[in-house]
């Protein structure tokens, strides 16, 4: 158990450290390449998502390493899915409160509710992530939902609503953190996929369910290692 906890800690350290280094590099590059102007709200928040990079696998027994990597993948996947669920719930609360103001846009509010219903019927799953077209539709719809919320937030009179402000800020913070969660998931999934590819013979000899482990899709797939 101590060995497994040590491996899991090492895996998480690799993922978090890589994420922090990538974030620092992005900040430096942005400062060098872009003028100091305000970012447009119309910009695609996922447009500059860097490609996932391969990380060296820690030295450890295959079974312990496999379990640690699976736990990391499932942890960040769970946090990513829960983040979307929280955003959707708070968006619905925010919409209901702003609808009480006479000057709110009914068309925007109705559009938000339609999109919310769409996400209820089309939640984020590994099957969706594995389908590039389905994932593109999912992200585009969430981007549109966030834009509609920004427009609705401009309803006259709603600026004095403290709860509206809190809900909007919570949704925005969760939306901004999605990039970090996705990158950490990709780091863990990339390591898991690499282990499966390089240790196939050893994994086949492991007891169930370890011998039935399968590769995971990525938010930003490696061009050199496509997900089948």
Protein backbone atom coordinates (compact mmCIF):
# COMPACT_ATOMS: atom_id res chain seq x y z
CA UNK A 1 0.00 0.00 0.00
CA UNK A 2 2.83 2.40 0.87
CA UNK A 3 4.51 1.60 -2.47
CA UNK A 4 1.26 2.29 -4.36
CA UNK A 5 0.70 5.58 -2.51
CA UNK A 6 4.27 6.63 -3.33
CA UNK A 7 3.73 5.82 -7.02
CA UNK A 8 0.41 7.68 -7.10
CA UNK A 9 2.06 10.67 -5.45
CA UNK A 10 4.85 10.59 -8.03
CA UNK A 11 2.38 10.38 -10.90
CA UNK A 12 0.35 13.33 -9.57
CA UNK A 13 3.57 15.30 -9.05
CA UNK A 14 4.58 14.73 -12.69
CA UNK A 15 1.15 15.80 -13.92
CA UNK A 16 0.87 18.92 -11.74
CA UNK A 17 4.49 19.98 -12.35
CA UNK A 18 4.09 19.57 -16.10
CA UNK A 19 0.85 21.58 -16.01
CA UNK A 20 2.52 24.39 -14.05
CA UNK A 21 5.52 24.47 -16.39
CA UNK A 22 3.28 24.58 -19.46
CA UNK A 23 1.24 27.39 -17.91
CA UNK A 24 4.40 29.43 -17.16
CA UNK A 25 5.63 28.88 -20.71
CA UNK A 26 2.32 30.06 -22.14
CA UNK A 27 2.46 33.23 -20.04
CA UNK A 28 6.01 33.99 -21.14
CA UNK A 29 5.20 33.39 -24.81
CA UNK A 30 2.06 35.50 -24.58
CA UNK A 31 4.02 38.38 -23.04
CA UNK A 32 6.68 38.19 -25.78
CA UNK A 33 4.44 37.70 -28.78
CA UNK A 34 1.30 39.70 -28.04
CA UNK A 35 0.76 43.42 -27.37
CA UNK A 36 -0.71 44.38 -23.98
CA UNK A 37 -4.34 44.63 -25.13
CA UNK A 38 -7.52 43.35 -23.53
CA UNK A 39 -8.65 39.88 -24.63
CA UNK A 40 -11.83 39.80 -26.64
CA UNK A 41 -14.76 37.92 -25.11
CA UNK A 42 -15.36 36.49 -28.57
CA UNK A 43 -12.03 34.62 -28.52
CA UNK A 44 -12.21 30.83 -28.45
CA UNK A 45 -10.97 29.78 -24.96
CA UNK A 46 -9.91 26.37 -26.29
CA UNK A 47 -8.36 27.67 -29.51
CA UNK A 48 -4.83 27.81 -28.11
CA UNK A 49 -4.98 24.57 -26.14
CA UNK A 50 -1.44 23.14 -26.41
CA UNK A 51 -0.89 19.61 -27.67
CA UNK A 52 -0.40 17.04 -24.93
CA UNK A 53 3.28 16.08 -24.55
CA UNK A 54 4.66 12.70 -23.58
CA UNK A 55 6.15 12.40 -20.08
CA UNK A 56 8.62 9.75 -18.90
CA UNK A 57 7.03 6.89 -16.99
CA UNK A 58 8.12 6.48 -13.34
CA UNK A 59 10.13 3.36 -12.54
CA UNK A 60 7.78 0.96 -10.72
CA UNK A 61 6.15 -2.49 -11.02
CA UNK A 62 3.65 -2.54 -13.88
CA UNK A 63 0.63 -3.40 -11.71
CA UNK A 64 1.23 -0.59 -9.19
CA UNK A 65 2.01 1.91 -11.92
CA UNK A 66 -1.07 0.89 -13.89
CA UNK A 67 -3.32 1.31 -10.87
CA UNK A 68 -1.80 4.67 -9.97
CA UNK A 69 -2.24 6.01 -13.50
CA UNK A 70 -5.80 4.73 -13.74
CA UNK A 71 -6.63 6.44 -10.44
CA UNK A 72 -5.15 9.72 -11.72
CA UNK A 73 -7.09 9.52 -14.99
CA UNK A 74 -10.36 8.76 -13.21
CA UNK A 75 -9.76 11.50 -10.63
CA UNK A 76 -9.25 14.27 -13.18
CA UNK A 77 -12.04 12.94 -15.38
CA UNK A 78 -14.41 13.01 -12.39
CA UNK A 79 -13.39 16.59 -11.55
CA UNK A 80 -13.86 17.66 -15.17
CA UNK A 81 -17.35 16.17 -15.43
CA UNK A 82 -18.34 17.57 -12.03
CA UNK A 83 -17.12 21.02 -13.06
CA UNK A 84 -19.51 21.02 -16.02
CA UNK A 85 -22.36 19.82 -13.81
CA UNK A 86 -21.69 22.61 -11.29
CA UNK A 87 -21.53 25.25 -14.01
CA UNK A 88 -24.81 24.11 -15.53
CA UNK A 89 -26.58 24.10 -12.17
CA UNK A 90 -25.33 27.59 -11.29
CA UNK A 91 -26.17 28.90 -14.76
CA UNK A 92 -29.76 27.75 -14.31
CA UNK A 93 -29.93 29.45 -10.90
CA UNK A 94 -28.48 32.66 -12.32
CA UNK A 95 -30.92 32.66 -15.23
CA UNK A 96 -33.91 32.19 -12.92
CA UNK A 97 -32.86 35.18 -10.80
CA UNK A 98 -32.18 37.53 -13.71
CA UNK A 99 -35.50 36.58 -15.33
CA UNK A 100 -37.18 38.40 -12.44
CA UNK A 101 -35.95 41.73 -13.83
CA UNK A 102 -38.48 43.25 -16.28
CA UNK A 103 -35.86 44.34 -18.81
CA UNK A 104 -34.21 40.95 -19.25
CA UNK A 105 -34.07 39.44 -22.74
CA UNK A 106 -36.60 36.63 -22.97
CA UNK A 107 -34.97 35.31 -26.14
CA UNK A 108 -31.60 34.96 -24.42
CA UNK A 109 -33.12 33.37 -21.32
CA UNK A 110 -35.06 30.88 -23.47
CA UNK A 111 -31.92 30.06 -25.45
CA UNK A 112 -30.02 29.39 -22.23
CA UNK A 113 -32.70 27.01 -21.05
CA UNK A 114 -32.71 25.18 -24.40
CA UNK A 115 -28.94 24.74 -24.26
CA UNK A 116 -29.16 23.62 -20.64
CA UNK A 117 -31.67 20.96 -21.69
CA UNK A 118 -29.33 19.89 -24.52
CA UNK A 119 -26.49 19.33 -22.03
CA UNK A 120 -28.82 17.35 -19.80
CA UNK A 121 -29.46 15.01 -22.72
CA UNK A 122 -25.84 15.06 -23.97
CA UNK A 123 -23.52 14.92 -20.95
CA UNK A 124 -19.75 14.69 -21.24
CA UNK A 125 -18.70 11.03 -21.46
CA UNK A 126 -15.61 9.15 -22.60
CA UNK A 127 -17.57 8.18 -25.72
CA UNK A 128 -18.11 11.87 -26.50
CA UNK A 129 -14.44 12.63 -25.86
CA UNK A 130 -13.39 9.84 -28.23
CA UNK A 131 -15.53 11.35 -31.01
CA UNK A 132 -13.84 14.54 -32.27
CA UNK A 133 -17.02 15.80 -33.95
CA UNK A 134 -19.18 15.19 -30.87
CA UNK A 135 -16.57 16.89 -28.67
CA UNK A 136 -16.45 19.89 -31.00
CA UNK A 137 -20.23 20.26 -30.80
CA UNK A 138 -20.09 19.93 -27.00
CA UNK A 139 -17.43 22.64 -26.62
CA UNK A 140 -19.05 24.98 -29.12
CA UNK A 141 -22.37 24.71 -27.29
CA UNK A 142 -20.71 25.44 -23.95
CA UNK A 143 -18.92 28.46 -25.44
CA UNK A 144 -22.26 29.70 -26.75
CA UNK A 145 -23.89 29.12 -23.36
CA UNK A 146 -21.19 31.20 -21.64
CA UNK A 147 -21.66 34.03 -24.15
CA UNK A 148 -25.41 34.04 -23.55
CA UNK A 149 -24.86 34.21 -19.80
CA UNK A 150 -22.56 37.22 -20.26
CA UNK A 151 -25.24 38.96 -22.30
CA UNK A 152 -27.97 38.13 -19.77
CA UNK A 153 -25.76 39.41 -16.96
CA UNK A 154 -25.96 42.86 -18.55
CA UNK A 155 -29.70 43.06 -17.80
CA UNK A 156 -30.44 46.51 -16.31
CA UNK A 157 -30.95 46.30 -12.55
CA UNK A 158 -29.23 42.93 -12.13
CA UNK A 159 -25.94 44.64 -11.22
CA UNK A 160 -27.40 45.26 -7.74
CA UNK A 161 -28.11 41.54 -7.23
CA UNK A 162 -25.36 40.21 -4.95
CA UNK A 163 -26.29 36.57 -5.48
CA UNK A 164 -26.29 37.10 -9.26
CA UNK A 165 -22.76 38.47 -9.05
CA UNK A 166 -21.61 35.56 -6.89
CA UNK A 167 -23.15 32.97 -9.21
CA UNK A 168 -21.66 34.61 -12.30
CA UNK A 169 -18.19 34.77 -10.74
CA UNK A 170 -18.40 31.13 -9.63
CA UNK A 171 -19.39 30.01 -13.13
CA UNK A 172 -16.62 32.07 -14.71
CA UNK A 173 -14.01 30.69 -12.30
CA UNK A 174 -15.08 27.10 -12.99
CA UNK A 175 -15.00 27.76 -16.72
CA UNK A 176 -11.48 29.18 -16.50
CA UNK A 177 -10.29 26.17 -14.45
CA UNK A 178 -11.51 23.74 -17.12
CA UNK A 179 -8.30 24.22 -19.08
CA UNK A 180 -6.20 23.12 -16.09
CA UNK A 181 -8.35 20.07 -15.42
CA UNK A 182 -8.27 19.03 -19.06
CA UNK A 183 -4.50 19.37 -19.25
CA UNK A 184 -4.02 17.30 -16.09
CA UNK A 185 -6.38 14.63 -17.40
CA UNK A 186 -4.45 14.56 -20.68
CA UNK A 187 -1.12 14.19 -18.86
CA UNK A 188 -2.39 11.22 -16.84
CA UNK A 189 -4.12 9.61 -19.84
CA UNK A 190 -1.02 10.04 -22.00
CA UNK A 191 1.12 8.26 -19.40
CA UNK A 192 -1.48 5.49 -19.11
CA UNK A 193 -1.65 5.04 -22.88
CA UNK A 194 2.14 4.94 -23.10
CA UNK A 195 2.27 2.24 -20.42
CA UNK A 196 -0.35 0.17 -22.24
CA UNK A 197 1.53 0.50 -25.54
CA UNK A 198 4.96 -0.38 -24.13
CA UNK A 199 3.97 -3.05 -21.59
CA UNK A 200 1.25 -4.96 -23.40
CA UNK A 201 2.77 -8.39 -22.75
CA UNK A 202 3.23 -7.73 -19.04
CA UNK A 203 -0.29 -6.31 -18.67
CA UNK A 204 -1.83 -9.42 -20.27
CA UNK A 205 -0.33 -11.50 -17.46
CA UNK A 206 -1.92 -9.38 -14.70
CA UNK A 207 -5.12 -10.50 -12.92
CA UNK A 208 -8.48 -8.89 -13.76
CA UNK A 209 -9.36 -6.09 -14.09
CA UNK A 210 -5.81 -4.87 -14.79
CA UNK A 211 -5.37 -7.13 -17.82
CA UNK A 212 -8.43 -5.56 -19.46
CA UNK A 213 -7.34 -1.94 -19.20
CA UNK A 214 -7.84 0.12 -22.37
CA UNK A 215 -6.36 3.31 -23.76
CA UNK A 216 -8.13 6.59 -22.96
CA UNK A 217 -9.02 9.37 -25.40
CA UNK A 218 -7.49 12.82 -24.93
CA UNK A 219 -8.91 16.31 -25.07
CA UNK A 220 -5.85 17.19 -27.17
CA UNK A 221 -4.78 13.96 -28.92
CA UNK A 222 -1.14 13.39 -29.78
CA UNK A 223 -0.72 13.61 -33.54
CA UNK A 224 1.87 10.84 -33.42
CA UNK A 225 -0.20 8.53 -31.23
CA UNK A 226 -3.81 8.47 -32.45
CA UNK A 227 -6.51 6.95 -30.27
CA UNK A 228 -8.11 3.97 -31.99
